[in-house]
Amino acid sequence: MSDKELSGLDRLYATVAARKGSDPTSSYTAKLYTKGGAKIAQKVGEEAVELAIAAALEDREEIISESADLLYHLSVLWANAGIDPADIYAKLEAREGQSGLAEKAARKTDGEK
């Protein structure tokens, strides 16, 4: 599949995954990888909080900006964990058509969070 055929999120993921092992002095993404999974997870949390604040303030431009930041850091987290976006898409597809309440109840019985 060419870059033009990939979705924006898939292109982002491909870019951040390709930065693994790059020079951390010339790539913010590579620098994140060198700091490890805990730091990457922390950045995802920070961006999620910033997005929630922007949403609470109903600041459209900040919601857009913080959403982009969150998706970027989430892509780094996935790549660091060896998770391809296709894995996430498959999970979402499996949940399609299922009530959110039923899905949540099923997670509790399956031991999933």
PDB file of N, CA and C in Angstrom:
ATOM      1  N   MET A   1       0.857  -1.181   0.000  1.00  0.00           N
ATOM      2  CA  MET A   1       0.000   0.000   0.000  1.00  0.00           C
ATOM      3  C   MET A   1       0.897   1.236   0.000  1.00  0.00           C
ATOM      4  N   SER A   2       0.627   2.174  -0.869  1.00  0.00           N
ATOM      5  CA  SER A   2       1.437   3.384  -0.944  1.00  0.00           C
ATOM      6  C   SER A   2       1.012   4.369   0.132  1.00  0.00           C
ATOM      7  N   ASP A   3       1.885   5.368   0.378  1.00  0.00           N
ATOM      8  CA  ASP A   3       1.568   6.395   1.374  1.00  0.00           C
ATOM      9  C   ASP A   3       0.263   7.105   1.058  1.00  0.00           C
ATOM     10  N   LYS A   4      -0.030   7.276  -0.234  1.00  0.00           N
ATOM     11  CA  LYS A   4      -1.251   7.984  -0.614  1.00  0.00           C
ATOM     12  C   LYS A   4      -2.496   7.172  -0.275  1.00  0.00           C
ATOM     13  N   GLU A   5      -2.357   5.842  -0.176  1.00  0.00           N
ATOM     14  CA  GLU A   5      -3.488   4.981   0.136  1.00  0.00           C
ATOM     15  C   GLU A   5      -3.710   4.839   1.648  1.00  0.00           C
ATOM     16  N   LEU A   6      -2.718   5.206   2.433  1.00  0.00           N
ATOM     17  CA  LEU A   6      -2.838   5.098   3.878  1.00  0.00           C
ATOM     18  C   LEU A   6      -3.654   6.252   4.436  1.00  0.00           C
ATOM     19  N   SER A   7      -4.379   5.996   5.517  1.00  0.00           N
ATOM     20  CA  SER A   7      -5.089   7.074   6.198  1.00  0.00           C
ATOM     21  C   SER A   7      -4.071   7.974   6.886  1.00  0.00           C
ATOM     22  N   GLY A   8      -4.509   9.121   7.323  1.00  0.00           N
ATOM     23  CA  GLY A   8      -3.625  10.042   8.027  1.00  0.00           C
ATOM     24  C   GLY A   8      -3.019   9.411   9.268  1.00  0.00           C
ATOM     25  N   LEU A   9      -3.805   8.652  10.021  1.00  0.00           N
ATOM     26  CA  LEU A   9      -3.303   8.015  11.230  1.00  0.00           C
ATOM     27  C   LEU A   9      -2.290   6.920  10.878  1.00  0.00           C
ATOM     28  N   ASP A  10      -2.563   6.181   9.812  1.00  0.00           N
ATOM     29  CA  ASP A  10      -1.618   5.148   9.390  1.00  0.00           C
ATOM     30  C   ASP A  10      -0.296   5.762   8.919  1.00  0.00           C
ATOM     31  N   ARG A  11      -0.369   6.884   8.228  1.00  0.00           N
ATOM     32  CA  ARG A  11       0.867   7.578   7.788  1.00  0.00           C
ATOM     33  C   ARG A  11       1.640   8.080   8.999  1.00  0.00           C
ATOM     34  N   LEU A  12       0.934   8.643   9.963  1.00  0.00           N
ATOM     35  CA  LEU A  12       1.582   9.116  11.183  1.00  0.00           C
ATOM     36  C   LEU A  12       2.277   7.957  11.881  1.00  0.00           C
ATOM     37  N   TYR A  13       1.572   6.843  12.031  1.00  0.00           N
ATOM     38  CA  TYR A  13       2.147   5.672  12.681  1.00  0.00           C
ATOM     39  C   TYR A  13       3.392   5.195  11.923  1.00  0.00           C
ATOM     40  N   ALA A  14       3.311   5.114  10.619  1.00  0.00           N
ATOM     41  CA  ALA A  14       4.456   4.665   9.816  1.00  0.00           C
ATOM     42  C   ALA A  14       5.652   5.581  10.028  1.00  0.00           C
ATOM     43  N   THR A  15       5.396   6.869  10.123  1.00  0.00           N
ATOM     44  CA  THR A  15       6.480   7.838  10.330  1.00  0.00           C
ATOM     45  C   THR A  15       7.118   7.658  11.700  1.00  0.00           C
ATOM     46  N   VAL A  16       6.297   7.576  12.754  1.00  0.00           N
ATOM     47  CA  VAL A  16       6.879   7.456  14.097  1.00  0.00           C
ATOM     48  C   VAL A  16       7.552   6.098  14.283  1.00  0.00           C
ATOM     49  N   ALA A  17       6.999   5.047  13.682  1.00  0.00           N
ATOM     50  CA  ALA A  17       7.619   3.722  13.788  1.00  0.00           C
ATOM     51  C   ALA A  17       8.981   3.718  13.096  1.00  0.00           C
ATOM     52  N   ALA A  18       9.075   4.443  11.991  1.00  0.00           N
ATOM     53  CA  ALA A  18      10.333   4.503  11.244  1.00  0.00           C
ATOM     54  C   ALA A  18      11.415   5.276  11.997  1.00  0.00           C
ATOM     55  N   ARG A  19      11.019   6.071  12.963  1.00  0.00           N
ATOM     56  CA  ARG A  19      11.986   6.872  13.727  1.00  0.00           C
ATOM     57  C   ARG A  19      12.655   6.087  14.850  1.00  0.00           C
ATOM     58  N   LYS A  20      12.171   4.872  15.121  1.00  0.00           N
ATOM     59  CA  LYS A  20      12.825   4.033  16.133  1.00  0.00           C
ATOM     60  C   LYS A  20      14.272   3.835  15.701  1.00  0.00           C
ATOM     61  N   GLY A  21      15.180   4.061  16.596  1.00  0.00           N
ATOM     62  CA  GLY A  21      16.587   3.883  16.288  1.00  0.00           C
ATOM     63  C   GLY A  21      17.234   5.068  15.595  1.00  0.00           C
ATOM     64  N   SER A  22      16.445   6.110  15.319  1.00  0.00           N
ATOM     65  CA  SER A  22      17.023   7.327  14.720  1.00  0.00           C
ATOM     66  C   SER A  22      17.812   8.089  15.775  1.00  0.00           C
ATOM     67  N   ASP A  23      18.507   9.090  15.333  1.00  0.00           N
ATOM     68  CA  ASP A  23      19.328   9.916  16.214  1.00  0.00           C
ATOM     69  C   ASP A  23      18.443  10.771  17.114  1.00  0.00           C
ATOM     70  N   PRO A  24      18.495  10.548  18.430  1.00  0.00           N
ATOM     71  CA  PRO A  24      17.637  11.322  19.337  1.00  0.00           C
ATOM     72  C   PRO A  24      18.006  12.803  19.418  1.00  0.00           C
ATOM     73  N   THR A  25      19.172  13.180  18.917  1.00  0.00           N
ATOM     74  CA  THR A  25      19.521  14.605  18.921  1.00  0.00           C
ATOM     75  C   THR A  25      18.885  15.341  17.745  1.00  0.00           C
ATOM     76  N   SER A  26      18.377  14.572  16.768  1.00  0.00           N
ATOM     77  CA  SER A  26      17.776  15.225  15.606  1.00  0.00           C
ATOM     78  C   SER A  26      16.295  14.879  15.427  1.00  0.00           C
ATOM     79  N   SER A  27      15.744  14.045  16.327  1.00  0.00           N
ATOM     80  CA  SER A  27      14.350  13.632  16.194  1.00  0.00           C
ATOM     81  C   SER A  27      13.701  13.562  17.576  1.00  0.00           C
ATOM     82  N   TYR A  28      12.648  14.353  17.760  1.00  0.00           N
ATOM     83  CA  TYR A  28      11.903  14.321  19.020  1.00  0.00           C
ATOM     84  C   TYR A  28      11.324  12.924  19.243  1.00  0.00           C
ATOM     85  N   THR A  29      10.834  12.305  18.185  1.00  0.00           N
ATOM     86  CA  THR A  29      10.266  10.963  18.298  1.00  0.00           C
ATOM     87  C   THR A  29      11.313   9.972  18.774  1.00  0.00           C
ATOM     88  N   ALA A  30      12.492  10.009  18.166  1.00  0.00           N
ATOM     89  CA  ALA A  30      13.577   9.112  18.577  1.00  0.00           C
ATOM     90  C   ALA A  30      13.958   9.371  20.032  1.00  0.00           C
ATOM     91  N   LYS A  31      13.941  10.634  20.429  1.00  0.00           N
ATOM     92  CA  LYS A  31      14.255  10.985  21.815  1.00  0.00           C
ATOM     93  C   LYS A  31      13.239  10.374  22.773  1.00  0.00           C
ATOM     94  N   LEU A  32      11.965  10.391  22.399  1.00  0.00           N
ATOM     95  CA  LEU A  32      10.935   9.765  23.229  1.00  0.00           C
ATOM     96  C   LEU A  32      11.209   8.274  23.396  1.00  0.00           C
ATOM     97  N   TYR A  33      11.555   7.605  22.307  1.00  0.00           N
ATOM     98  CA  TYR A  33      11.844   6.171  22.384  1.00  0.00           C
ATOM     99  C   TYR A  33      12.985   5.890  23.352  1.00  0.00           C
ATOM    100  N   THR A  34      14.016   6.747  23.366  1.00  0.00           N
ATOM    101  CA  THR A  34      15.155   6.495  24.254  1.00  0.00           C
ATOM    102  C   THR A  34      14.774   6.671  25.724  1.00  0.00           C
ATOM    103  N   LYS A  35      13.709   7.432  25.985  1.00  0.00           N
ATOM    104  CA  LYS A  35      13.269   7.649  27.370  1.00  0.00           C
ATOM    105  C   LYS A  35      12.429   6.494  27.892  1.00  0.00           C
ATOM    106  N   GLY A  36      11.953   5.640  26.990  1.00  0.00           N
ATOM    107  CA  GLY A  36      11.252   4.433  27.401  1.00  0.00           C
ATOM    108  C   GLY A  36       9.744   4.567  27.491  1.00  0.00           C
ATOM    109  N   GLY A  37       9.129   3.415  27.693  1.00  0.00           N
ATOM    110  CA  GLY A  37       7.677   3.310  27.697  1.00  0.00           C
ATOM    111  C   GLY A  37       6.985   4.124  28.768  1.00  0.00           C
ATOM    112  N   ALA A  38       7.579   4.212  29.947  1.00  0.00           N
ATOM    113  CA  ALA A  38       6.934   4.976  31.026  1.00  0.00           C
ATOM    114  C   ALA A  38       6.832   6.453  30.659  1.00  0.00           C
ATOM    115  N   LYS A  39       7.869   7.015  30.061  1.00  0.00           N
ATOM    116  CA  LYS A  39       7.846   8.428  29.662  1.00  0.00           C
ATOM    117  C   LYS A  39       6.853   8.643  28.524  1.00  0.00           C
ATOM    118  N   ILE A  40       6.819   7.699  27.586  1.00  0.00           N
ATOM    119  CA  ILE A  40       5.858   7.807  26.479  1.00  0.00           C
ATOM    120  C   ILE A  40       4.441   7.773  27.038  1.00  0.00           C
ATOM    121  N   ALA A  41       4.187   6.862  27.972  1.00  0.00           N
ATOM    122  CA  ALA A  41       2.861   6.767  28.594  1.00  0.00           C
ATOM    123  C   ALA A  41       2.517   8.071  29.330  1.00  0.00           C
ATOM    124  N   GLN A  42       3.496   8.647  29.998  1.00  0.00           N
ATOM    125  CA  GLN A  42       3.287   9.917  30.704  1.00  0.00           C
ATOM    126  C   GLN A  42       2.873  11.004  29.714  1.00  0.00           C
ATOM    127  N   LYS A  43       3.543  11.054  28.566  1.00  0.00           N
ATOM    128  CA  LYS A  43       3.215  12.069  27.552  1.00  0.00           C
ATOM    129  C   LYS A  43       1.793  11.864  27.031  1.00  0.00           C
ATOM    130  N   VAL A  44       1.380  10.606  26.839  1.00  0.00           N
ATOM    131  CA  VAL A  44       0.010  10.332  26.398  1.00  0.00           C
ATOM    132  C   VAL A  44      -0.970  10.866  27.443  1.00  0.00           C
ATOM    133  N   GLY A  45      -0.680  10.616  28.699  1.00  0.00           N
ATOM    134  CA  GLY A  45      -1.543  11.107  29.774  1.00  0.00           C
ATOM    135  C   GLY A  45      -1.619  12.620  29.810  1.00  0.00           C
ATOM    136  N   GLU A  46      -0.481  13.270  29.667  1.00  0.00           N
ATOM    137  CA  GLU A  46      -0.457  14.740  29.667  1.00  0.00           C
ATOM    138  C   GLU A  46      -1.300  15.297  28.531  1.00  0.00           C
ATOM    139  N   GLU A  47      -1.143  14.713  27.347  1.00  0.00           N
ATOM    140  CA  GLU A  47      -1.897  15.211  26.195  1.00  0.00           C
ATOM    141  C   GLU A  47      -3.391  14.949  26.362  1.00  0.00           C
ATOM    142  N   ALA A  48      -3.751  13.824  26.964  1.00  0.00           N
ATOM    143  CA  ALA A  48      -5.166  13.520  27.201  1.00  0.00           C
ATOM    144  C   ALA A  48      -5.777  14.541  28.161  1.00  0.00           C
ATOM    145  N   VAL A  49      -5.037  14.894  29.195  1.00  0.00           N
ATOM    146  CA  VAL A  49      -5.524  15.894  30.151  1.00  0.00           C
ATOM    147  C   VAL A  49      -5.673  17.251  29.460  1.00  0.00           C
ATOM    148  N   GLU A  50      -4.684  17.625  28.660  1.00  0.00           N
ATOM    149  CA  GLU A  50      -4.763  18.907  27.948  1.00  0.00           C
ATOM    150  C   GLU A  50      -5.956  18.930  26.997  1.00  0.00           C
ATOM    151  N   LEU A  51      -6.234  17.801  26.345  1.00  0.00           N
ATOM    152  CA  LEU A  51      -7.396  17.711  25.465  1.00  0.00           C
ATOM    153  C   LEU A  51      -8.686  17.837  26.272  1.00  0.00           C
ATOM    154  N   ALA A  52      -8.754  17.174  27.409  1.00  0.00           N
ATOM    155  CA  ALA A  52      -9.953  17.244  28.251  1.00  0.00           C
ATOM    156  C   ALA A  52     -10.213  18.674  28.726  1.00  0.00           C
ATOM    157  N   ILE A  53      -9.150  19.373  29.073  1.00  0.00           N
ATOM    158  CA  ILE A  53      -9.299  20.770  29.506  1.00  0.00           C
ATOM    159  C   ILE A  53      -9.810  21.626  28.351  1.00  0.00           C
ATOM    160  N   ALA A  54      -9.227  21.434  27.168  1.00  0.00           N
ATOM    161  CA  ALA A  54      -9.668  22.197  25.996  1.00  0.00           C
ATOM    162  C   ALA A  54     -11.146  21.914  25.700  1.00  0.00           C
ATOM    163  N   ALA A  55     -11.545  20.657  25.848  1.00  0.00           N
ATOM    164  CA  ALA A  55     -12.946  20.296  25.604  1.00  0.00           C
ATOM    165  C   ALA A  55     -13.861  20.933  26.645  1.00  0.00           C
ATOM    166  N   ALA A  56     -13.434  20.928  27.905  1.00  0.00           N
ATOM    167  CA  ALA A  56     -14.239  21.539  28.966  1.00  0.00           C
ATOM    168  C   ALA A  56     -14.412  23.034  28.732  1.00  0.00           C
ATOM    169  N   LEU A  57     -13.380  23.646  28.164  1.00  0.00           N
ATOM    170  CA  LEU A  57     -13.438  25.081  27.864  1.00  0.00           C
ATOM    171  C   LEU A  57     -14.120  25.375  26.533  1.00  0.00           C
ATOM    172  N   GLU A  58     -14.468  24.288  25.817  1.00  0.00           N
ATOM    173  CA  GLU A  58     -15.111  24.397  24.508  1.00  0.00           C
ATOM    174  C   GLU A  58     -14.300  25.246  23.544  1.00  0.00           C
ATOM    175  N   ASP A  59     -12.981  25.065  23.588  1.00  0.00           N
ATOM    176  CA  ASP A  59     -12.054  25.802  22.729  1.00  0.00           C
ATOM    177  C   ASP A  59     -11.743  24.944  21.504  1.00  0.00           C
ATOM    178  N   ARG A  60     -12.465  25.188  20.427  1.00  0.00           N
ATOM    179  CA  ARG A  60     -12.378  24.355  19.220  1.00  0.00           C
ATOM    180  C   ARG A  60     -10.951  24.210  18.705  1.00  0.00           C
ATOM    181  N   GLU A  61     -10.237  25.314  18.573  1.00  0.00           N
ATOM    182  CA  GLU A  61      -8.875  25.244  18.025  1.00  0.00           C
ATOM    183  C   GLU A  61      -7.940  24.458  18.930  1.00  0.00           C
ATOM    184  N   GLU A  62      -8.090  24.622  20.232  1.00  0.00           N
ATOM    185  CA  GLU A  62      -7.267  23.852  21.174  1.00  0.00           C
ATOM    186  C   GLU A  62      -7.648  22.373  21.155  1.00  0.00           C
ATOM    187  N   ILE A  63      -8.932  22.090  20.982  1.00  0.00           N
ATOM    188  CA  ILE A  63      -9.355  20.688  20.874  1.00  0.00           C
ATOM    189  C   ILE A  63      -8.676  20.044  19.666  1.00  0.00           C
ATOM    190  N   ILE A  64      -8.658  20.743  18.555  1.00  0.00           N
ATOM    191  CA  ILE A  64      -8.016  20.224  17.347  1.00  0.00           C
ATOM    192  C   ILE A  64      -6.524  20.023  17.590  1.00  0.00           C
ATOM    193  N   SER A  65      -5.870  21.028  18.149  1.00  0.00           N
ATOM    194  CA  SER A  65      -4.430  20.961  18.389  1.00  0.00           C
ATOM    195  C   SER A  65      -4.069  19.860  19.377  1.00  0.00           C
ATOM    196  N   GLU A  66      -4.787  19.784  20.473  1.00  0.00           N
ATOM    197  CA  GLU A  66      -4.492  18.777  21.492  1.00  0.00           C
ATOM    198  C   GLU A  66      -4.851  17.374  21.010  1.00  0.00           C
ATOM    199  N   SER A  67      -5.877  17.262  20.176  1.00  0.00           N
ATOM    200  CA  SER A  67      -6.207  15.960  19.588  1.00  0.00           C
ATOM    201  C   SER A  67      -5.064  15.469  18.705  1.00  0.00           C
ATOM    202  N   ALA A  68      -4.496  16.382  17.918  1.00  0.00           N
ATOM    203  CA  ALA A  68      -3.357  16.013  17.075  1.00  0.00           C
ATOM    204  C   ALA A  68      -2.173  15.578  17.933  1.00  0.00           C
ATOM    205  N   ASP A  69      -1.911  16.313  19.007  1.00  0.00           N
ATOM    206  CA  ASP A  69      -0.813  15.945  19.913  1.00  0.00           C
ATOM    207  C   ASP A  69      -1.057  14.571  20.540  1.00  0.00           C
ATOM    208  N   LEU A  70      -2.294  14.322  20.964  1.00  0.00           N
ATOM    209  CA  LEU A  70      -2.622  13.045  21.580  1.00  0.00           C
ATOM    210  C   LEU A  70      -2.456  11.899  20.585  1.00  0.00           C
ATOM    211  N   LEU A  71      -2.943  12.072  19.366  1.00  0.00           N
ATOM    212  CA  LEU A  71      -2.805  11.021  18.358  1.00  0.00           C
ATOM    213  C   LEU A  71      -1.339  10.745  18.033  1.00  0.00           C
ATOM    214  N   TYR A  72      -0.528  11.795  17.981  1.00  0.00           N
ATOM    215  CA  TYR A  72       0.909  11.609  17.749  1.00  0.00           C
ATOM    216  C   TYR A  72       1.525  10.764  18.871  1.00  0.00           C
ATOM    217  N   HIS A  73       1.311  11.172  20.110  1.00  0.00           N
ATOM    218  CA  HIS A  73       1.914  10.452  21.237  1.00  0.00           C
ATOM    219  C   HIS A  73       1.336   9.043  21.371  1.00  0.00           C
ATOM    220  N   LEU A  74       0.069   8.874  21.053  1.00  0.00           N
ATOM    221  CA  LEU A  74      -0.537   7.550  21.068  1.00  0.00           C
ATOM    222  C   LEU A  74       0.107   6.656  20.011  1.00  0.00           C
ATOM    223  N   SER A  75       0.400   7.214  18.849  1.00  0.00           N
ATOM    224  CA  SER A  75       1.082   6.455  17.792  1.00  0.00           C
ATOM    225  C   SER A  75       2.476   6.020  18.240  1.00  0.00           C
ATOM    226  N   VAL A  76       3.180   6.903  18.945  1.00  0.00           N
ATOM    227  CA  VAL A  76       4.501   6.544  19.472  1.00  0.00           C
ATOM    228  C   VAL A  76       4.354   5.417  20.492  1.00  0.00           C
ATOM    229  N   LEU A  77       3.359   5.517  21.369  1.00  0.00           N
ATOM    230  CA  LEU A  77       3.124   4.475  22.367  1.00  0.00           C
ATOM    231  C   LEU A  77       2.847   3.132  21.692  1.00  0.00           C
ATOM    232  N   TRP A  78       1.964   3.139  20.674  1.00  0.00           N
ATOM    233  CA  TRP A  78       1.663   1.897  19.951  1.00  0.00           C
ATOM    234  C   TRP A  78       2.922   1.303  19.333  1.00  0.00           C
ATOM    235  N   ALA A  79       3.681   2.132  18.633  1.00  0.00           N
ATOM    236  CA  ALA A  79       4.888   1.637  17.968  1.00  0.00           C
ATOM    237  C   ALA A  79       5.880   1.090  18.990  1.00  0.00           C
ATOM    238  N   ASN A  80       6.014   1.781  20.104  1.00  0.00           N
ATOM    239  CA  ASN A  80       6.927   1.331  21.149  1.00  0.00           C
ATOM    240  C   ASN A  80       6.504  -0.031  21.706  1.00  0.00           C
ATOM    241  N   ALA A  81       5.202  -0.265  21.771  1.00  0.00           N
ATOM    242  CA  ALA A  81       4.657  -1.512  22.307  1.00  0.00           C
ATOM    243  C   ALA A  81       4.503  -2.597  21.237  1.00  0.00           C
ATOM    244  N   GLY A  82       4.871  -2.268  19.987  1.00  0.00           N
ATOM    245  CA  GLY A  82       4.735  -3.248  18.916  1.00  0.00           C
ATOM    246  C   GLY A  82       3.298  -3.480  18.488  1.00  0.00           C
ATOM    247  N   ILE A  83       2.483  -2.464  18.655  1.00  0.00           N
ATOM    248  CA  ILE A  83       1.067  -2.554  18.283  1.00  0.00           C
ATOM    249  C   ILE A  83       0.844  -1.755  17.007  1.00  0.00           C
ATOM    250  N   ASP A  84       0.285  -2.394  16.008  1.00  0.00           N
ATOM    251  CA  ASP A  84      -0.022  -1.748  14.733  1.00  0.00           C
ATOM    252  C   ASP A  84      -1.432  -1.165  14.820  1.00  0.00           C
ATOM    253  N   PRO A  85      -1.687  -0.026  14.184  1.00  0.00           N
ATOM    254  CA  PRO A  85      -3.050   0.515  14.203  1.00  0.00           C
ATOM    255  C   PRO A  85      -4.093  -0.501  13.738  1.00  0.00           C
ATOM    256  N   ALA A  86      -3.705  -1.422  12.860  1.00  0.00           N
ATOM    257  CA  ALA A  86      -4.648  -2.447  12.395  1.00  0.00           C
ATOM    258  C   ALA A  86      -5.183  -3.268  13.573  1.00  0.00           C
ATOM    259  N   ASP A  87      -4.355  -3.450  14.606  1.00  0.00           N
ATOM    260  CA  ASP A  87      -4.813  -4.168  15.802  1.00  0.00           C
ATOM    261  C   ASP A  87      -5.936  -3.393  16.493  1.00  0.00           C
ATOM    262  N   ILE A  88      -5.791  -2.089  16.540  1.00  0.00           N
ATOM    263  CA  ILE A  88      -6.804  -1.230  17.163  1.00  0.00           C
ATOM    264  C   ILE A  88      -8.065  -1.218  16.306  1.00  0.00           C
ATOM    265  N   TYR A  89      -7.871  -1.107  14.984  1.00  0.00           N
ATOM    266  CA  TYR A  89      -9.024  -1.102  14.079  1.00  0.00           C
ATOM    267  C   TYR A  89      -9.807  -2.406  14.208  1.00  0.00           C
ATOM    268  N   ALA A  90      -9.102  -3.526  14.328  1.00  0.00           N
ATOM    269  CA  ALA A  90      -9.770  -4.824  14.460  1.00  0.00           C
ATOM    270  C   ALA A  90     -10.592  -4.884  15.748  1.00  0.00           C
ATOM    271  N   LYS A  91     -10.041  -4.347  16.827  1.00  0.00           N
ATOM    272  CA  LYS A  91     -10.776  -4.328  18.097  1.00  0.00           C
ATOM    273  C   LYS A  91     -12.029  -3.463  17.972  1.00  0.00           C
ATOM    274  N   LEU A  92     -11.891  -2.306  17.329  1.00  0.00           N
ATOM    275  CA  LEU A  92     -13.055  -1.435  17.140  1.00  0.00           C
ATOM    276  C   LEU A  92     -14.098  -2.101  16.256  1.00  0.00           C
ATOM    277  N   GLU A  93     -13.637  -2.765  15.194  1.00  0.00           N
ATOM    278  CA  GLU A  93     -14.560  -3.447  14.287  1.00  0.00           C
ATOM    279  C   GLU A  93     -15.313  -4.559  15.016  1.00  0.00           C
ATOM    280  N   ALA A  94     -14.619  -5.279  15.885  1.00  0.00           N
ATOM    281  CA  ALA A  94     -15.264  -6.351  16.648  1.00  0.00           C
ATOM    282  C   ALA A  94     -16.346  -5.802  17.570  1.00  0.00           C
ATOM    283  N   ARG A  95     -16.201  -4.559  17.959  1.00  0.00           N
ATOM    284  CA  ARG A  95     -17.171  -3.946  18.868  1.00  0.00           C
ATOM    285  C   ARG A  95     -18.311  -3.260  18.127  1.00  0.00           C
ATOM    286  N   GLU A  96     -18.208  -3.123  16.799  1.00  0.00           N
ATOM    287  CA  GLU A  96     -19.241  -2.448  16.014  1.00  0.00           C
ATOM    288  C   GLU A  96     -20.580  -3.119  16.197  1.00  0.00           C
ATOM    289  N   GLY A  97     -21.591  -2.308  16.341  1.00  0.00           N
ATOM    290  CA  GLY A  97     -22.938  -2.826  16.460  1.00  0.00           C
ATOM    291  C   GLY A  97     -23.276  -3.349  17.851  1.00  0.00           C
ATOM    292  N   GLN A  98     -22.313  -3.311  18.738  1.00  0.00           N
ATOM    293  CA  GLN A  98     -22.543  -3.784  20.104  1.00  0.00           C
ATOM    294  C   GLN A  98     -22.831  -2.578  20.990  1.00  0.00           C
ATOM    295  N   SER A  99     -23.777  -2.722  21.855  1.00  0.00           N
ATOM    296  CA  SER A  99     -24.078  -1.666  22.808  1.00  0.00           C
ATOM    297  C   SER A  99     -22.840  -1.373  23.641  1.00  0.00           C
ATOM    298  N   GLY A 100     -22.555  -0.112  23.873  1.00  0.00           N
ATOM    299  CA  GLY A 100     -21.434   0.263  24.719  1.00  0.00           C
ATOM    300  C   GLY A 100     -21.564  -0.308  26.119  1.00  0.00           C
ATOM    301  N   LEU A 101     -22.775  -0.355  26.625  1.00  0.00           N
ATOM    302  CA  LEU A 101     -22.993  -0.911  27.957  1.00  0.00           C
ATOM    303  C   LEU A 101     -22.730  -2.414  27.964  1.00  0.00           C
ATOM    304  N   ALA A 102     -23.176  -3.100  26.915  1.00  0.00           N
ATOM    305  CA  ALA A 102     -22.943  -4.551  26.831  1.00  0.00           C
ATOM    306  C   ALA A 102     -21.460  -4.837  26.656  1.00  0.00           C
ATOM    307  N   GLU A 103     -20.786  -4.035  25.849  1.00  0.00           N
ATOM    308  CA  GLU A 103     -19.348  -4.234  25.620  1.00  0.00           C
ATOM    309  C   GLU A 103     -18.579  -4.049  26.916  1.00  0.00           C
ATOM    310  N   LYS A 104     -18.931  -3.026  27.667  1.00  0.00           N
ATOM    311  CA  LYS A 104     -18.248  -2.772  28.936  1.00  0.00           C
ATOM    312  C   LYS A 104     -18.498  -3.911  29.920  1.00  0.00           C
ATOM    313  N   ALA A 105     -19.714  -4.404  29.992  1.00  0.00           N
ATOM    314  CA  ALA A 105     -20.034  -5.523  30.870  1.00  0.00           C
ATOM    315  C   ALA A 105     -19.253  -6.766  30.462  1.00  0.00           C
ATOM    316  N   ALA A 106     -19.095  -7.001  29.164  1.00  0.00           N
ATOM    317  CA  ALA A 106     -18.350  -8.167  28.669  1.00  0.00           C
ATOM    318  C   ALA A 106     -16.888  -8.064  29.053  1.00  0.00           C
ATOM    319  N   ARG A 107     -16.340  -6.862  29.030  1.00  0.00           N
ATOM    320  CA  ARG A 107     -14.919  -6.688  29.425  1.00  0.00           C
ATOM    321  C   ARG A 107     -14.731  -7.084  30.869  1.00  0.00           C
ATOM    322  N   LYS A 108     -15.660  -6.757  31.721  1.00  0.00           N
ATOM    323  CA  LYS A 108     -15.547  -7.097  33.142  1.00  0.00           C
ATOM    324  C   LYS A 108     -15.555  -8.594  33.346  1.00  0.00           C
ATOM    325  N   THR A 109     -16.382  -9.314  32.581  1.00  0.00           N
ATOM    326  CA  THR A 109     -16.442 -10.767  32.742  1.00  0.00           C
ATOM    327  C   THR A 109     -15.242 -11.445  32.100  1.00  0.00           C
ATOM    328  N   ASP A 110     -14.632 -10.810  31.107  1.00  0.00           N
ATOM    329  CA  ASP A 110     -13.442 -11.369  30.451  1.00  0.00           C
ATOM    330  C   ASP A 110     -12.151 -11.001  31.176  1.00  0.00           C
ATOM    331  N   GLY A 111     -12.246 -10.167  32.201  1.00  0.00           N
ATOM    332  CA  GLY A 111     -11.072  -9.734  32.936  1.00  0.00           C
ATOM    333  C   GLY A 111     -10.337  -8.583  32.275  1.00  0.00           C
ATOM    334  N   GLU A 112     -10.868  -8.063  31.169  1.00  0.00           N
ATOM    335  CA  GLU A 112     -10.263  -6.930  30.487  1.00  0.00           C
ATOM    336  C   GLU A 112     -10.701  -5.652  31.176  1.00  0.00           C
ATOM    337  N   LYS A 113      -9.816  -4.655  31.148  1.00  0.00           N
ATOM    338  CA  LYS A 113     -10.143  -3.369  31.777  1.00  0.00           C
ATOM    339  C   LYS A 113     -11.070  -2.569  30.919  1.00  0.00           C
TER     340      LYS A 113
END
